[in-house]
Amino acid sequence: MKTDPVCPKCSSENIYNDGSLWVCPDCSHETSSLAPPQDGGGGDAQGFVVRDANGNALQEGDTVTVIKDLKVKGSSSSVKVGTKVKNIRLVDSSDGHNISCKIDGFGAMGLKSEFVKKS
């Protein structure tokens, strides 16, 4: 029995394939691949994989290291190379910031996984 794909964000069945992307017209979520629906059998409940700059898969609670000086909006200082960020959370955000974390001296912020490596 074939199951139709559903949106990983809002679980809508109205999702359609537009070239290389799957698009949900209800919540405007776009994704390049769809994972089969998770039925509480453990594993990744979000249905997406976040990889660091070296291609390593990241998981909730990992510690990562910043590999490039990053300017912080609204601040005159920046996050320096080598800053360790503990206990990350993975998010599926439309603005490209797929890591949510708290950095000492800066507070809560979002990072792009392309600027970190797994520690």
PDB file of N, CA and C in Angstrom:
ATOM      1  N   MET A   1       0.845  -1.175   0.000  1.00  0.00           N
ATOM      2  CA  MET A   1       0.000   0.000   0.000  1.00  0.00           C
ATOM      3  C   MET A   1       0.892   1.241   0.000  1.00  0.00           C
ATOM      4  N   LYS A   2       0.686   2.118  -0.940  1.00  0.00           N
ATOM      5  CA  LYS A   2       1.496   3.323  -1.082  1.00  0.00           C
ATOM      6  C   LYS A   2       0.930   4.438  -0.206  1.00  0.00           C
ATOM      7  N   THR A   3       1.827   5.131   0.528  1.00  0.00           N
ATOM      8  CA  THR A   3       1.384   6.272   1.328  1.00  0.00           C
ATOM      9  C   THR A   3       1.811   7.553   0.638  1.00  0.00           C
ATOM     10  N   ASP A   4       0.907   8.496   0.553  1.00  0.00           N
ATOM     11  CA  ASP A   4       1.216   9.782  -0.057  1.00  0.00           C
ATOM     12  C   ASP A   4       2.111  10.597   0.873  1.00  0.00           C
ATOM     13  N   PRO A   5       3.012  11.411   0.306  1.00  0.00           N
ATOM     14  CA  PRO A   5       3.888  12.226   1.162  1.00  0.00           C
ATOM     15  C   PRO A   5       3.089  13.305   1.888  1.00  0.00           C
ATOM     16  N   VAL A   6       3.577  13.658   3.071  1.00  0.00           N
ATOM     17  CA  VAL A   6       2.963  14.729   3.848  1.00  0.00           C
ATOM     18  C   VAL A   6       4.031  15.762   4.188  1.00  0.00           C
ATOM     19  N   CYS A   7       3.611  16.978   4.442  1.00  0.00           N
ATOM     20  CA  CYS A   7       4.521  18.056   4.813  1.00  0.00           C
ATOM     21  C   CYS A   7       5.139  17.740   6.184  1.00  0.00           C
ATOM     22  N   PRO A   8       6.485  17.807   6.321  1.00  0.00           N
ATOM     23  CA  PRO A   8       7.102  17.528   7.611  1.00  0.00           C
ATOM     24  C   PRO A   8       6.836  18.605   8.655  1.00  0.00           C
ATOM     25  N   LYS A   9       6.398  19.785   8.224  1.00  0.00           N
ATOM     26  CA  LYS A   9       6.161  20.876   9.160  1.00  0.00           C
ATOM     27  C   LYS A   9       4.730  20.906   9.683  1.00  0.00           C
ATOM     28  N   CYS A  10       3.750  20.805   8.766  1.00  0.00           N
ATOM     29  CA  CYS A  10       2.348  20.929   9.196  1.00  0.00           C
ATOM     30  C   CYS A  10       1.527  19.661   8.962  1.00  0.00           C
ATOM     31  N   SER A  11       2.128  18.619   8.406  1.00  0.00           N
ATOM     32  CA  SER A  11       1.488  17.319   8.134  1.00  0.00           C
ATOM     33  C   SER A  11       0.340  17.410   7.128  1.00  0.00           C
ATOM     34  N   SER A  12       0.360  18.421   6.278  1.00  0.00           N
ATOM     35  CA  SER A  12      -0.657  18.563   5.247  1.00  0.00           C
ATOM     36  C   SER A  12      -0.401  17.551   4.127  1.00  0.00           C
ATOM     37  N   GLU A  13      -1.479  17.051   3.522  1.00  0.00           N
ATOM     38  CA  GLU A  13      -1.355  16.104   2.414  1.00  0.00           C
ATOM     39  C   GLU A  13      -1.345  16.815   1.066  1.00  0.00           C
ATOM     40  N   ASN A  14      -1.384  18.151   1.047  1.00  0.00           N
ATOM     41  CA  ASN A  14      -1.427  18.926  -0.190  1.00  0.00           C
ATOM     42  C   ASN A  14      -0.057  19.176  -0.793  1.00  0.00           C
ATOM     43  N   ILE A  15       0.978  18.529  -0.315  1.00  0.00           N
ATOM     44  CA  ILE A  15       2.345  18.777  -0.768  1.00  0.00           C
ATOM     45  C   ILE A  15       2.521  18.311  -2.215  1.00  0.00           C
ATOM     46  N   TYR A  16       3.322  19.046  -2.986  1.00  0.00           N
ATOM     47  CA  TYR A  16       3.567  18.679  -4.378  1.00  0.00           C
ATOM     48  C   TYR A  16       5.040  18.850  -4.719  1.00  0.00           C
ATOM     49  N   ASN A  17       5.470  18.155  -5.776  1.00  0.00           N
ATOM     50  CA  ASN A  17       6.854  18.181  -6.224  1.00  0.00           C
ATOM     51  C   ASN A  17       7.014  19.253  -7.294  1.00  0.00           C
ATOM     52  N   ASP A  18       7.961  20.176  -7.080  1.00  0.00           N
ATOM     53  CA  ASP A  18       8.238  21.246  -8.029  1.00  0.00           C
ATOM     54  C   ASP A  18       9.708  21.160  -8.427  1.00  0.00           C
ATOM     55  N   GLY A  19      10.010  20.310  -9.388  1.00  0.00           N
ATOM     56  CA  GLY A  19      11.407  20.131  -9.797  1.00  0.00           C
ATOM     57  C   GLY A  19      12.160  19.347  -8.745  1.00  0.00           C
ATOM     58  N   SER A  20      13.130  19.978  -8.088  1.00  0.00           N
ATOM     59  CA  SER A  20      13.921  19.293  -7.071  1.00  0.00           C
ATOM     60  C   SER A  20      13.412  19.566  -5.661  1.00  0.00           C
ATOM     61  N   LEU A  21      12.330  20.324  -5.517  1.00  0.00           N
ATOM     62  CA  LEU A  21      11.792  20.669  -4.197  1.00  0.00           C
ATOM     63  C   LEU A  21      10.397  20.106  -4.008  1.00  0.00           C
ATOM     64  N   TRP A  22      10.069  19.792  -2.754  1.00  0.00           N
ATOM     65  CA  TRP A  22       8.708  19.487  -2.348  1.00  0.00           C
ATOM     66  C   TRP A  22       8.166  20.746  -1.696  1.00  0.00           C
ATOM     67  N   VAL A  23       6.996  21.200  -2.099  1.00  0.00           N
ATOM     68  CA  VAL A  23       6.428  22.461  -1.621  1.00  0.00           C
ATOM     69  C   VAL A  23       5.062  22.200  -0.995  1.00  0.00           C
ATOM     70  N   CYS A  24       4.831  22.828   0.159  1.00  0.00           N
ATOM     71  CA  CYS A  24       3.532  22.746   0.826  1.00  0.00           C
ATOM     72  C   CYS A  24       2.816  24.085   0.620  1.00  0.00           C
ATOM     73  N   PRO A  25       1.684  24.097  -0.068  1.00  0.00           N
ATOM     74  CA  PRO A  25       0.966  25.354  -0.283  1.00  0.00           C
ATOM     75  C   PRO A  25       0.285  25.889   0.971  1.00  0.00           C
ATOM     76  N   ASP A  26       0.078  25.048   1.976  1.00  0.00           N
ATOM     77  CA  ASP A  26      -0.599  25.483   3.193  1.00  0.00           C
ATOM     78  C   ASP A  26       0.297  26.304   4.106  1.00  0.00           C
ATOM     79  N   CYS A  27       1.558  25.844   4.319  1.00  0.00           N
ATOM     80  CA  CYS A  27       2.449  26.550   5.246  1.00  0.00           C
ATOM     81  C   CYS A  27       3.674  27.138   4.546  1.00  0.00           C
ATOM     82  N   SER A  28       3.787  26.990   3.227  1.00  0.00           N
ATOM     83  CA  SER A  28       4.888  27.518   2.414  1.00  0.00           C
ATOM     84  C   SER A  28       6.230  26.878   2.747  1.00  0.00           C
ATOM     85  N   HIS A  29       6.217  25.694   3.335  1.00  0.00           N
ATOM     86  CA  HIS A  29       7.456  24.978   3.662  1.00  0.00           C
ATOM     87  C   HIS A  29       8.000  24.320   2.401  1.00  0.00           C
ATOM     88  N   GLU A  30       9.317  24.419   2.189  1.00  0.00           N
ATOM     89  CA  GLU A  30       9.981  23.776   1.065  1.00  0.00           C
ATOM     90  C   GLU A  30      11.074  22.869   1.592  1.00  0.00           C
ATOM     91  N   THR A  31      11.210  21.687   0.996  1.00  0.00           N
ATOM     92  CA  THR A  31      12.257  20.759   1.393  1.00  0.00           C
ATOM     93  C   THR A  31      12.753  20.019   0.158  1.00  0.00           C
ATOM     94  N   SER A  32      14.017  19.622   0.189  1.00  0.00           N
ATOM     95  CA  SER A  32      14.583  18.942  -0.965  1.00  0.00           C
ATOM     96  C   SER A  32      14.305  17.448  -0.951  1.00  0.00           C
ATOM     97  N   SER A  33      14.007  16.885   0.208  1.00  0.00           N
ATOM     98  CA  SER A  33      13.687  15.460   0.275  1.00  0.00           C
ATOM     99  C   SER A  33      12.669  15.231   1.377  1.00  0.00           C
ATOM    100  N   LEU A  34      11.904  14.201   1.210  1.00  0.00           N
ATOM    101  CA  LEU A  34      10.907  13.857   2.214  1.00  0.00           C
ATOM    102  C   LEU A  34      11.247  12.516   2.818  1.00  0.00           C
ATOM    103  N   ALA A  35      11.244  12.465   4.125  1.00  0.00           N
ATOM    104  CA  ALA A  35      11.446  11.210   4.832  1.00  0.00           C
ATOM    105  C   ALA A  35      10.079  10.584   5.065  1.00  0.00           C
ATOM    106  N   PRO A  36      10.010   9.275   5.165  1.00  0.00           N
ATOM    107  CA  PRO A  36       8.719   8.668   5.463  1.00  0.00           C
ATOM    108  C   PRO A  36       8.232   9.123   6.834  1.00  0.00           C
ATOM    109  N   PRO A  37       6.940   9.216   7.057  1.00  0.00           N
ATOM    110  CA  PRO A  37       6.422   9.676   8.340  1.00  0.00           C
ATOM    111  C   PRO A  37       6.911   8.797   9.481  1.00  0.00           C
ATOM    112  N   GLN A  38       7.254   9.439  10.593  1.00  0.00           N
ATOM    113  CA  GLN A  38       7.717   8.719  11.772  1.00  0.00           C
ATOM    114  C   GLN A  38       6.507   8.381  12.625  1.00  0.00           C
ATOM    115  N   ASP A  39       6.418   7.137  13.077  1.00  0.00           N
ATOM    116  CA  ASP A  39       5.296   6.710  13.903  1.00  0.00           C
ATOM    117  C   ASP A  39       5.716   6.477  15.335  1.00  0.00           C
ATOM    118  N   GLY A  40       6.579   7.336  15.864  1.00  0.00           N
ATOM    119  CA  GLY A  40       6.989   7.215  17.248  1.00  0.00           C
ATOM    120  C   GLY A  40       7.950   6.074  17.495  1.00  0.00           C
ATOM    121  N   GLY A  41       8.566   5.551  16.457  1.00  0.00           N
ATOM    122  CA  GLY A  41       9.477   4.433  16.604  1.00  0.00           C
ATOM    123  C   GLY A  41      10.887   4.879  16.908  1.00  0.00           C
ATOM    124  N   GLY A  42      11.071   6.062  17.470  1.00  0.00           N
ATOM    125  CA  GLY A  42      12.409   6.568  17.772  1.00  0.00           C
ATOM    126  C   GLY A  42      12.997   7.243  16.551  1.00  0.00           C
ATOM    127  N   GLY A  43      14.268   7.597  16.621  1.00  0.00           N
ATOM    128  CA  GLY A  43      14.932   8.228  15.497  1.00  0.00           C
ATOM    129  C   GLY A  43      14.662   9.714  15.450  1.00  0.00           C
ATOM    130  N   ASP A  44      14.856  10.302  14.283  1.00  0.00           N
ATOM    131  CA  ASP A  44      14.746  11.732  14.084  1.00  0.00           C
ATOM    132  C   ASP A  44      13.299  12.116  13.818  1.00  0.00           C
ATOM    133  N   ALA A  45      12.657  12.759  14.771  1.00  0.00           N
ATOM    134  CA  ALA A  45      11.244  13.116  14.639  1.00  0.00           C
ATOM    135  C   ALA A  45      11.032  14.239  13.636  1.00  0.00           C
ATOM    136  N   GLN A  46      12.057  15.086  13.399  1.00  0.00           N
ATOM    137  CA  GLN A  46      11.889  16.194  12.471  1.00  0.00           C
ATOM    138  C   GLN A  46      11.889  15.729  11.019  1.00  0.00           C
ATOM    139  N   GLY A  47      12.550  14.641  10.698  1.00  0.00           N
ATOM    140  CA  GLY A  47      12.566  14.136   9.334  1.00  0.00           C
ATOM    141  C   GLY A  47      13.588  14.826   8.458  1.00  0.00           C
ATOM    142  N   PHE A  48      14.581  15.475   9.012  1.00  0.00           N
ATOM    143  CA  PHE A  48      15.619  16.106   8.223  1.00  0.00           C
ATOM    144  C   PHE A  48      16.972  15.889   8.885  1.00  0.00           C
ATOM    145  N   VAL A  49      18.030  16.014   8.095  1.00  0.00           N
ATOM    146  CA  VAL A  49      19.386  15.809   8.593  1.00  0.00           C
ATOM    147  C   VAL A  49      20.155  17.112   8.434  1.00  0.00           C
ATOM    148  N   VAL A  50      20.846  17.531   9.500  1.00  0.00           N
ATOM    149  CA  VAL A  50      21.674  18.728   9.467  1.00  0.00           C
ATOM    150  C   VAL A  50      23.120  18.271   9.511  1.00  0.00           C
ATOM    151  N   ARG A  51      23.935  18.779   8.583  1.00  0.00           N
ATOM    152  CA  ARG A  51      25.341  18.392   8.495  1.00  0.00           C
ATOM    153  C   ARG A  51      26.231  19.606   8.739  1.00  0.00           C
ATOM    154  N   ASP A  52      27.389  19.367   9.374  1.00  0.00           N
ATOM    155  CA  ASP A  52      28.334  20.444   9.641  1.00  0.00           C
ATOM    156  C   ASP A  52      29.173  20.729   8.399  1.00  0.00           C
ATOM    157  N   ALA A  53      30.173  21.588   8.516  1.00  0.00           N
ATOM    158  CA  ALA A  53      31.005  21.982   7.384  1.00  0.00           C
ATOM    159  C   ALA A  53      31.796  20.811   6.808  1.00  0.00           C
ATOM    160  N   ASN A  54      32.069  19.786   7.616  1.00  0.00           N
ATOM    161  CA  ASN A  54      32.819  18.619   7.158  1.00  0.00           C
ATOM    162  C   ASN A  54      31.921  17.491   6.669  1.00  0.00           C
ATOM    163  N   GLY A  55      30.618  17.662   6.730  1.00  0.00           N
ATOM    164  CA  GLY A  55      29.690  16.645   6.264  1.00  0.00           C
ATOM    165  C   GLY A  55      29.231  15.673   7.331  1.00  0.00           C
ATOM    166  N   ASN A  56      29.603  15.894   8.579  1.00  0.00           N
ATOM    167  CA  ASN A  56      29.164  15.029   9.675  1.00  0.00           C
ATOM    168  C   ASN A  56      27.741  15.381  10.077  1.00  0.00           C
ATOM    169  N   ALA A  57      26.923  14.362  10.304  1.00  0.00           N
ATOM    170  CA  ALA A  57      25.542  14.596  10.734  1.00  0.00           C
ATOM    171  C   ALA A  57      25.532  15.089  12.176  1.00  0.00           C
ATOM    172  N   LEU A  58      24.759  16.132  12.434  1.00  0.00           N
ATOM    173  CA  LEU A  58      24.629  16.686  13.777  1.00  0.00           C
ATOM    174  C   LEU A  58      23.360  16.158  14.427  1.00  0.00           C
ATOM    175  N   GLN A  59      23.393  16.069  15.765  1.00  0.00           N
ATOM    176  CA  GLN A  59      22.236  15.610  16.521  1.00  0.00           C
ATOM    177  C   GLN A  59      21.944  16.599  17.640  1.00  0.00           C
ATOM    178  N   GLU A  60      20.723  16.519  18.169  1.00  0.00           N
ATOM    179  CA  GLU A  60      20.332  17.354  19.305  1.00  0.00           C
ATOM    180  C   GLU A  60      21.302  17.122  20.459  1.00  0.00           C
ATOM    181  N   GLY A  61      21.751  18.209  21.106  1.00  0.00           N
ATOM    182  CA  GLY A  61      22.619  18.096  22.273  1.00  0.00           C
ATOM    183  C   GLY A  61      24.099  18.012  21.962  1.00  0.00           C
ATOM    184  N   ASP A  62      24.482  17.980  20.690  1.00  0.00           N
ATOM    185  CA  ASP A  62      25.901  17.929  20.318  1.00  0.00           C
ATOM    186  C   ASP A  62      26.621  19.208  20.714  1.00  0.00           C
ATOM    187  N   THR A  63      27.952  19.124  20.751  1.00  0.00           N
ATOM    188  CA  THR A  63      28.802  20.295  20.944  1.00  0.00           C
ATOM    189  C   THR A  63      29.494  20.568  19.620  1.00  0.00           C
ATOM    190  N   VAL A  64      29.464  21.825  19.172  1.00  0.00           N
ATOM    191  CA  VAL A  64      30.100  22.203  17.909  1.00  0.00           C
ATOM    192  C   VAL A  64      31.077  23.350  18.152  1.00  0.00           C
ATOM    193  N   THR A  65      31.991  23.541  17.203  1.00  0.00           N
ATOM    194  CA  THR A  65      32.978  24.609  17.266  1.00  0.00           C
ATOM    195  C   THR A  65      32.794  25.512  16.044  1.00  0.00           C
ATOM    196  N   VAL A  66      32.809  26.816  16.259  1.00  0.00           N
ATOM    197  CA  VAL A  66      32.661  27.789  15.171  1.00  0.00           C
ATOM    198  C   VAL A  66      33.960  27.825  14.373  1.00  0.00           C
ATOM    199  N   ILE A  67      33.881  27.775  13.029  1.00  0.00           N
ATOM    200  CA  ILE A  67      35.081  27.728  12.190  1.00  0.00           C
ATOM    201  C   ILE A  67      35.364  29.037  11.459  1.00  0.00           C
ATOM    202  N   LYS A  68      34.567  30.073  11.728  1.00  0.00           N
ATOM    203  CA  LYS A  68      34.739  31.361  11.056  1.00  0.00           C
ATOM    204  C   LYS A  68      34.216  32.457  11.974  1.00  0.00           C
ATOM    205  N   ASP A  69      34.871  33.630  11.986  1.00  0.00           N
ATOM    206  CA  ASP A  69      34.343  34.757  12.754  1.00  0.00           C
ATOM    207  C   ASP A  69      32.971  35.125  12.200  1.00  0.00           C
ATOM    208  N   LEU A  70      31.985  35.216  13.089  1.00  0.00           N
ATOM    209  CA  LEU A  70      30.611  35.498  12.675  1.00  0.00           C
ATOM    210  C   LEU A  70      30.135  36.805  13.287  1.00  0.00           C
ATOM    211  N   LYS A  71      29.711  37.734  12.439  1.00  0.00           N
ATOM    212  CA  LYS A  71      29.153  38.991  12.920  1.00  0.00           C
ATOM    213  C   LYS A  71      27.784  38.717  13.520  1.00  0.00           C
ATOM    214  N   VAL A  72      27.478  39.428  14.597  1.00  0.00           N
ATOM    215  CA  VAL A  72      26.195  39.264  15.275  1.00  0.00           C
ATOM    216  C   VAL A  72      25.367  40.514  15.026  1.00  0.00           C
ATOM    217  N   LYS A  73      24.162  40.318  14.494  1.00  0.00           N
ATOM    218  CA  LYS A  73      23.280  41.455  14.228  1.00  0.00           C
ATOM    219  C   LYS A  73      22.974  42.183  15.521  1.00  0.00           C
ATOM    220  N   GLY A  74      23.050  43.499  15.491  1.00  0.00           N
ATOM    221  CA  GLY A  74      22.712  44.309  16.647  1.00  0.00           C
ATOM    222  C   GLY A  74      23.803  44.400  17.687  1.00  0.00           C
ATOM    223  N   SER A  75      24.983  43.893  17.376  1.00  0.00           N
ATOM    224  CA  SER A  75      26.090  43.925  18.319  1.00  0.00           C
ATOM    225  C   SER A  75      27.354  44.369  17.595  1.00  0.00           C
ATOM    226  N   SER A  76      28.240  45.045  18.316  1.00  0.00           N
ATOM    227  CA  SER A  76      29.488  45.480  17.706  1.00  0.00           C
ATOM    228  C   SER A  76      30.557  44.390  17.768  1.00  0.00           C
ATOM    229  N   SER A  77      30.316  43.343  18.544  1.00  0.00           N
ATOM    230  CA  SER A  77      31.278  42.242  18.646  1.00  0.00           C
ATOM    231  C   SER A  77      30.853  41.076  17.758  1.00  0.00           C
ATOM    232  N   SER A  78      31.728  40.079  17.658  1.00  0.00           N
ATOM    233  CA  SER A  78      31.431  38.920  16.827  1.00  0.00           C
ATOM    234  C   SER A  78      31.798  37.638  17.562  1.00  0.00           C
ATOM    235  N   VAL A  79      31.220  36.534  17.101  1.00  0.00           N
ATOM    236  CA  VAL A  79      31.551  35.214  17.632  1.00  0.00           C
ATOM    237  C   VAL A  79      32.860  34.802  16.964  1.00  0.00           C
ATOM    238  N   LYS A  80      33.877  34.528  17.761  1.00  0.00           N
ATOM    239  CA  LYS A  80      35.220  34.251  17.242  1.00  0.00           C
ATOM    240  C   LYS A  80      35.406  32.792  16.848  1.00  0.00           C
ATOM    241  N   VAL A  81      36.381  32.547  15.972  1.00  0.00           N
ATOM    242  CA  VAL A  81      36.767  31.199  15.569  1.00  0.00           C
ATOM    243  C   VAL A  81      37.163  30.410  16.810  1.00  0.00           C
ATOM    244  N   GLY A  82      36.746  29.157  16.887  1.00  0.00           N
ATOM    245  CA  GLY A  82      37.103  28.303  18.004  1.00  0.00           C
ATOM    246  C   GLY A  82      36.131  28.338  19.166  1.00  0.00           C
ATOM    247  N   THR A  83      35.098  29.178  19.090  1.00  0.00           N
ATOM    248  CA  THR A  83      34.104  29.230  20.159  1.00  0.00           C
ATOM    249  C   THR A  83      33.338  27.917  20.188  1.00  0.00           C
ATOM    250  N   LYS A  84      33.291  27.285  21.360  1.00  0.00           N
ATOM    251  CA  LYS A  84      32.546  26.030  21.514  1.00  0.00           C
ATOM    252  C   LYS A  84      31.112  26.345  21.907  1.00  0.00           C
ATOM    253  N   VAL A  85      30.193  25.691  21.241  1.00  0.00           N
ATOM    254  CA  VAL A  85      28.773  25.861  21.509  1.00  0.00           C
ATOM    255  C   VAL A  85      28.242  24.502  21.954  1.00  0.00           C
ATOM    256  N   LYS A  86      27.733  24.434  23.185  1.00  0.00           N
ATOM    257  CA  LYS A  86      27.264  23.177  23.757  1.00  0.00           C
ATOM    258  C   LYS A  86      25.747  23.071  23.665  1.00  0.00           C
ATOM    259  N   ASN A  87      25.274  21.836  23.644  1.00  0.00           N
ATOM    260  CA  ASN A  87      23.853  21.533  23.730  1.00  0.00           C
ATOM    261  C   ASN A  87      23.029  22.239  22.651  1.00  0.00           C
ATOM    262  N   ILE A  88      23.352  21.977  21.376  1.00  0.00           N
ATOM    263  CA  ILE A  88      22.632  22.613  20.276  1.00  0.00           C
ATOM    264  C   ILE A  88      21.274  21.960  20.071  1.00  0.00           C
ATOM    265  N   ARG A  89      20.359  22.719  19.463  1.00  0.00           N
ATOM    266  CA  ARG A  89      19.059  22.201  19.050  1.00  0.00           C
ATOM    267  C   ARG A  89      18.955  22.377  17.551  1.00  0.00           C
ATOM    268  N   LEU A  90      18.430  21.393  16.848  1.00  0.00           N
ATOM    269  CA  LEU A  90      18.271  21.462  15.408  1.00  0.00           C
ATOM    270  C   LEU A  90      16.878  21.953  15.066  1.00  0.00           C
ATOM    271  N   VAL A  91      16.804  22.931  14.177  1.00  0.00           N
ATOM    272  CA  VAL A  91      15.525  23.493  13.760  1.00  0.00           C
ATOM    273  C   VAL A  91      15.465  23.521  12.241  1.00  0.00           C
ATOM    274  N   ASP A  92      14.267  23.439  11.695  1.00  0.00           N
ATOM    275  CA  ASP A  92      14.059  23.511  10.249  1.00  0.00           C
ATOM    276  C   ASP A  92      13.519  24.900   9.948  1.00  0.00           C
ATOM    277  N   SER A  93      14.426  25.844   9.722  1.00  0.00           N
ATOM    278  CA  SER A  93      14.055  27.239   9.557  1.00  0.00           C
ATOM    279  C   SER A  93      14.151  27.654   8.098  1.00  0.00           C
ATOM    280  N   SER A  94      13.292  28.559   7.681  1.00  0.00           N
ATOM    281  CA  SER A  94      13.299  29.015   6.294  1.00  0.00           C
ATOM    282  C   SER A  94      14.418  30.009   6.000  1.00  0.00           C
ATOM    283  N   ASP A  95      15.038  30.598   7.039  1.00  0.00           N
ATOM    284  CA  ASP A  95      16.093  31.580   6.810  1.00  0.00           C
ATOM    285  C   ASP A  95      17.487  30.966   6.751  1.00  0.00           C
ATOM    286  N   GLY A  96      17.597  29.643   6.814  1.00  0.00           N
ATOM    287  CA  GLY A  96      18.892  28.986   6.689  1.00  0.00           C
ATOM    288  C   GLY A  96      19.607  28.722   7.997  1.00  0.00           C
ATOM    289  N   HIS A  97      19.148  29.321   9.089  1.00  0.00           N
ATOM    290  CA  HIS A  97      19.761  29.079  10.397  1.00  0.00           C
ATOM    291  C   HIS A  97      19.144  27.806  10.966  1.00  0.00           C
ATOM    292  N   ASN A  98      19.868  26.687  10.848  1.00  0.00           N
ATOM    293  CA  ASN A  98      19.298  25.410  11.247  1.00  0.00           C
ATOM    294  C   ASN A  98      19.809  24.898  12.595  1.00  0.00           C
ATOM    295  N   ILE A  99      20.553  25.727  13.329  1.00  0.00           N
ATOM    296  CA  ILE A  99      20.986  25.387  14.678  1.00  0.00           C
ATOM    297  C   ILE A  99      20.538  26.501  15.612  1.00  0.00           C
ATOM    298  N   SER A 100      19.842  26.115  16.668  1.00  0.00           N
ATOM    299  CA  SER A 100      19.434  27.063  17.700  1.00  0.00           C
ATOM    300  C   SER A 100      20.283  26.770  18.926  1.00  0.00           C
ATOM    301  N   CYS A 101      20.889  27.810  19.504  1.00  0.00           N
ATOM    302  CA  CYS A 101      21.814  27.577  20.615  1.00  0.00           C
ATOM    303  C   CYS A 101      21.895  28.807  21.507  1.00  0.00           C
ATOM    304  N   LYS A 102      22.649  28.648  22.589  1.00  0.00           N
ATOM    305  CA  LYS A 102      22.911  29.752  23.495  1.00  0.00           C
ATOM    306  C   LYS A 102      24.425  29.874  23.622  1.00  0.00           C
ATOM    307  N   ILE A 103      24.965  31.061  23.316  1.00  0.00           N
ATOM    308  CA  ILE A 103      26.409  31.290  23.367  1.00  0.00           C
ATOM    309  C   ILE A 103      26.693  32.254  24.510  1.00  0.00           C
ATOM    310  N   ASP A 104      27.652  31.879  25.368  1.00  0.00           N
ATOM    311  CA  ASP A 104      28.029  32.729  26.500  1.00  0.00           C
ATOM    312  C   ASP A 104      28.464  34.104  25.998  1.00  0.00           C
ATOM    313  N   GLY A 105      27.922  35.145  26.593  1.00  0.00           N
ATOM    314  CA  GLY A 105      28.255  36.507  26.216  1.00  0.00           C
ATOM    315  C   GLY A 105      27.359  37.084  25.135  1.00  0.00           C
ATOM    316  N   PHE A 106      26.589  36.230  24.447  1.00  0.00           N
ATOM    317  CA  PHE A 106      25.712  36.690  23.377  1.00  0.00           C
ATOM    318  C   PHE A 106      24.255  36.327  23.630  1.00  0.00           C
ATOM    319  N   GLY A 107      24.010  35.198  24.273  1.00  0.00           N
ATOM    320  CA  GLY A 107      22.649  34.746  24.519  1.00  0.00           C
ATOM    321  C   GLY A 107      22.169  33.786  23.452  1.00  0.00           C
ATOM    322  N   ALA A 108      20.857  33.655  23.331  1.00  0.00           N
ATOM    323  CA  ALA A 108      20.252  32.729  22.376  1.00  0.00           C
ATOM    324  C   ALA A 108      20.385  33.275  20.956  1.00  0.00           C
ATOM    325  N   MET A 109      20.726  32.386  20.032  1.00  0.00           N
ATOM    326  CA  MET A 109      20.852  32.789  18.629  1.00  0.00           C
ATOM    327  C   MET A 109      20.764  31.583  17.719  1.00  0.00           C
ATOM    328  N   GLY A 110      20.652  31.853  16.437  1.00  0.00           N
ATOM    329  CA  GLY A 110      20.634  30.812  15.419  1.00  0.00           C
ATOM    330  C   GLY A 110      21.933  30.821  14.648  1.00  0.00           C
ATOM    331  N   LEU A 111      22.416  29.637  14.296  1.00  0.00           N
ATOM    332  CA  LEU A 111      23.643  29.492  13.503  1.00  0.00           C
ATOM    333  C   LEU A 111      23.343  28.674  12.258  1.00  0.00           C
ATOM    334  N   LYS A 112      24.139  28.886  11.239  1.00  0.00           N
ATOM    335  CA  LYS A 112      24.072  28.055  10.046  1.00  0.00           C
ATOM    336  C   LYS A 112      25.088  26.931  10.208  1.00  0.00           C
ATOM    337  N   SER A 113      24.688  25.725   9.858  1.00  0.00           N
ATOM    338  CA  SER A 113      25.547  24.569  10.080  1.00  0.00           C
ATOM    339  C   SER A 113      26.816  24.609   9.217  1.00  0.00           C
ATOM    340  N   GLU A 114      26.836  25.394   8.166  1.00  0.00           N
ATOM    341  CA  GLU A 114      28.014  25.468   7.308  1.00  0.00           C
ATOM    342  C   GLU A 114      29.178  26.203   7.974  1.00  0.00           C
ATOM    343  N   PHE A 115      28.937  26.861   9.119  1.00  0.00           N
ATOM    344  CA  PHE A 115      29.982  27.594   9.809  1.00  0.00           C
ATOM    345  C   PHE A 115      30.420  26.930  11.116  1.00  0.00           C
ATOM    346  N   VAL A 116      30.053  25.664  11.310  1.00  0.00           N
ATOM    347  CA  VAL A 116      30.447  24.945  12.517  1.00  0.00           C
ATOM    348  C   VAL A 116      30.983  23.577  12.152  1.00  0.00           C
ATOM    349  N   LYS A 117      31.744  22.983  13.070  1.00  0.00           N
ATOM    350  CA  LYS A 117      32.174  21.588  12.920  1.00  0.00           C
ATOM    351  C   LYS A 117      31.885  20.868  14.223  1.00  0.00           C
ATOM    352  N   LYS A 118      31.602  19.581  14.110  1.00  0.00           N
ATOM    353  CA  LYS A 118      31.281  18.772  15.279  1.00  0.00           C
ATOM    354  C   LYS A 118      32.527  18.592  16.128  1.00  0.00           C
ATOM    355  N   SER A 119      32.384  18.748  17.448  1.00  0.00           N
ATOM    356  CA  SER A 119      33.527  18.596  18.359  1.00  0.00           C
ATOM    357  C   SER A 119      33.590  17.192  18.920  1.00  0.00           C
TER     358      SER A 119
END
